[in-house]
Structures are given as C-alpha cells and as structure tokens.
Amino acid sequence: MKNFHTYAIDSRGYGKSISVDEKYTIKQYSEDVIEFCRYLNIDKAFVLGYSDGGNISLFLAAQDPKRFSKIYVISPNYLACGTTDSSF
C-alpha cells in the first residue's frame, strides 16, 4: 500500500542500538517512539506491540492518543499489578 510505511525500531539496549542506561522503563521506550515519530513528522501511527511492546503500545495510546489512535496489542501484562512502578 502506498500510504503506509513500516518501521521496526530497536529499543534502547536491544538489537543494534547503543545505550549506557543501566535501567530501562516502558516510559523511556514510549518517549523514544514519540520522539522518533516527531523526528520523522509522523502525525498518525498504528502500533503493533508484543509482550513488553504491548505494554509500550498501551502507554503510547494513553500518552498521545491522537498520534496513536490504533494499537494492536499481543500478550501484554494481563493485570496492571504485573507491571511494577519501577517499570514506568
């Protein structure tokens, strides 16, 4: 489809990304995705997230619902108690 592009982002500390952070949080990852979208002038994005990516997708939709109006979440934490405060 001409109107859609797919981006697969290496989260900090994963893949070929470089990070000096000792601790990673869903909030950090979400802010990275939002900054990525700002940098590329992406005003609307559909997000697919699996496991922690699902938790990040939920956080993105809560933080910036206009930009992330459609999310597809696979296997996030079942209960909010499954994510500790230190995760955010």
C-alpha atoms as a PDB file:
ATOM      1  CA  MET A   1       0.000   0.000   0.000  1.00  0.00           C
ATOM      2  CA  LYS A   2       1.339   3.399  -0.938  1.00  0.00           C
ATOM      3  CA  ASN A   3       0.011   5.234   2.090  1.00  0.00           C
ATOM      4  CA  PHE A   4       1.640   3.102   4.769  1.00  0.00           C
ATOM      5  CA  HIS A   5       5.233   2.569   5.858  1.00  0.00           C
ATOM      6  CA  THR A   6       6.514   0.017   8.332  1.00  0.00           C
ATOM      7  CA  TYR A   7       9.219   0.847  10.854  1.00  0.00           C
ATOM      8  CA  ALA A   8      10.833  -1.699  13.159  1.00  0.00           C
ATOM      9  CA  ILE A   9      12.598   0.212  15.913  1.00  0.00           C
ATOM     10  CA  ASP A  10      15.402  -1.233  18.024  1.00  0.00           C
ATOM     11  CA  SER A  11      14.607  -0.235  21.589  1.00  0.00           C
ATOM     12  CA  ARG A  12      17.491   1.109  23.625  1.00  0.00           C
ATOM     13  CA  GLY A  13      19.683  -1.761  24.731  1.00  0.00           C
ATOM     14  CA  TYR A  14      18.287  -4.152  22.096  1.00  0.00           C
ATOM     15  CA  GLY A  15      19.280  -5.048  18.566  1.00  0.00           C
ATOM     16  CA  LYS A  16      21.940  -2.717  17.187  1.00  0.00           C
ATOM     17  CA  SER A  17      21.056   0.219  19.412  1.00  0.00           C
ATOM     18  CA  ILE A  18      23.625   1.585  21.813  1.00  0.00           C
ATOM     19  CA  SER A  19      22.690   2.670  25.323  1.00  0.00           C
ATOM     20  CA  VAL A  20      24.556   3.432  28.522  1.00  0.00           C
ATOM     21  CA  ASP A  21      21.387   3.178  30.615  1.00  0.00           C
ATOM     22  CA  GLU A  22      21.504   0.674  33.446  1.00  0.00           C
ATOM     23  CA  LYS A  23      17.730   0.505  33.768  1.00  0.00           C
ATOM     24  CA  TYR A  24      15.038   0.563  31.094  1.00  0.00           C
ATOM     25  CA  THR A  25      11.409   1.577  31.552  1.00  0.00           C
ATOM     26  CA  ILE A  26       8.256   1.471  29.486  1.00  0.00           C
ATOM     27  CA  LYS A  27       8.066   5.248  29.826  1.00  0.00           C
ATOM     28  CA  GLN A  28      11.595   5.619  28.328  1.00  0.00           C
ATOM     29  CA  TYR A  29      10.736   3.337  25.433  1.00  0.00           C
ATOM     30  CA  SER A  30       7.477   5.197  24.836  1.00  0.00           C
ATOM     31  CA  GLU A  31       9.227   8.568  24.855  1.00  0.00           C
ATOM     32  CA  ASP A  32      11.751   7.188  22.352  1.00  0.00           C
ATOM     33  CA  VAL A  33       8.930   6.148  19.994  1.00  0.00           C
ATOM     34  CA  ILE A  34       7.205   9.522  20.328  1.00  0.00           C
ATOM     35  CA  GLU A  35      10.492  11.320  19.609  1.00  0.00           C
ATOM     36  CA  PHE A  36      11.083   9.027  16.604  1.00  0.00           C
ATOM     37  CA  CYS A  37       7.659   9.998  15.241  1.00  0.00           C
ATOM     38  CA  ARG A  38       8.300  13.698  15.847  1.00  0.00           C
ATOM     39  CA  TYR A  39      11.666  13.474  14.096  1.00  0.00           C
ATOM     40  CA  LEU A  40      10.072  11.888  11.008  1.00  0.00           C
ATOM     41  CA  ASN A  41       6.978  14.150  11.185  1.00  0.00           C
ATOM     42  CA  ILE A  42       4.673  11.180  11.710  1.00  0.00           C
ATOM     43  CA  ASP A  43       1.372  12.581  12.963  1.00  0.00           C
ATOM     44  CA  LYS A  44      -0.603   9.319  12.806  1.00  0.00           C
ATOM     45  CA  ALA A  45       0.769   5.893  13.568  1.00  0.00           C
ATOM     46  CA  PHE A  46      -0.699   2.440  14.040  1.00  0.00           C
ATOM     47  CA  VAL A  47       1.343   0.429  16.521  1.00  0.00           C
ATOM     48  CA  LEU A  48       1.748  -3.314  16.901  1.00  0.00           C
ATOM     49  CA  GLY A  49       3.323  -4.458  20.140  1.00  0.00           C
ATOM     50  CA  TYR A  50       4.054  -7.890  21.543  1.00  0.00           C
ATOM     51  CA  SER A  51       4.770  -8.587  25.248  1.00  0.00           C
ATOM     52  CA  ASP A  52       6.638  -5.521  26.561  1.00  0.00           C
ATOM     53  CA  GLY A  53       5.905  -3.950  23.185  1.00  0.00           C
ATOM     54  CA  GLY A  54       2.229  -4.432  24.021  1.00  0.00           C
ATOM     55  CA  ASN A  55       2.701  -2.590  27.300  1.00  0.00           C
ATOM     56  CA  ILE A  56       4.556   0.168  25.446  1.00  0.00           C
ATOM     57  CA  SER A  57       1.727   0.373  22.894  1.00  0.00           C
ATOM     58  CA  LEU A  58      -0.821   0.833  25.673  1.00  0.00           C
ATOM     59  CA  PHE A  59       1.340   3.559  27.205  1.00  0.00           C
ATOM     60  CA  LEU A  60       1.685   5.300  23.810  1.00  0.00           C
ATOM     61  CA  ALA A  61      -2.078   5.317  23.301  1.00  0.00           C
ATOM     62  CA  ALA A  62      -2.562   6.832  26.759  1.00  0.00           C
ATOM     63  CA  GLN A  63       0.210   9.439  26.298  1.00  0.00           C
ATOM     64  CA  ASP A  64      -0.596  10.569  22.753  1.00  0.00           C
ATOM     65  CA  PRO A  65      -3.999   9.230  21.653  1.00  0.00           C
ATOM     66  CA  LYS A  66      -4.245  11.491  18.596  1.00  0.00           C
ATOM     67  CA  ARG A  67      -0.988  10.174  17.145  1.00  0.00           C
ATOM     68  CA  PHE A  68      -1.524   6.539  18.215  1.00  0.00           C
ATOM     69  CA  SER A  69      -5.230   6.111  17.549  1.00  0.00           C
ATOM     70  CA  LYS A  70      -4.979   2.423  16.638  1.00  0.00           C
ATOM     71  CA  ILE A  71      -2.907  -0.079  18.532  1.00  0.00           C
ATOM     72  CA  TYR A  72      -2.651  -3.832  18.191  1.00  0.00           C
ATOM     73  CA  VAL A  73      -1.551  -5.440  21.409  1.00  0.00           C
ATOM     74  CA  ILE A  74      -0.425  -9.043  21.694  1.00  0.00           C
ATOM     75  CA  SER A  75       0.271 -10.585  25.080  1.00  0.00           C
ATOM     76  CA  PRO A  76       0.771  -7.512  27.288  1.00  0.00           C
ATOM     77  CA  ASN A  77       0.600  -7.903  31.057  1.00  0.00           C
ATOM     78  CA  TYR A  78      -2.792  -9.336  31.947  1.00  0.00           C
ATOM     79  CA  LEU A  79      -3.181  -7.242  35.078  1.00  0.00           C
ATOM     80  CA  ALA A  80      -1.818  -3.826  35.973  1.00  0.00           C
ATOM     81  CA  CYS A  81      -0.197  -5.419  39.022  1.00  0.00           C
ATOM     82  CA  GLY A  82       2.004  -7.363  36.599  1.00  0.00           C
ATOM     83  CA  THR A  83       3.846  -4.132  35.863  1.00  0.00           C
ATOM     84  CA  THR A  84       5.682  -2.642  38.800  1.00  0.00           C
ATOM     85  CA  ASP A  85       6.138   1.074  39.421  1.00  0.00           C
ATOM     86  CA  SER A  86       9.813   0.683  38.529  1.00  0.00           C
ATOM     87  CA  SER A  87       8.752  -0.344  35.002  1.00  0.00           C
ATOM     88  CA  PHE A  88       7.370   3.116  34.388  1.00  0.00           C
END
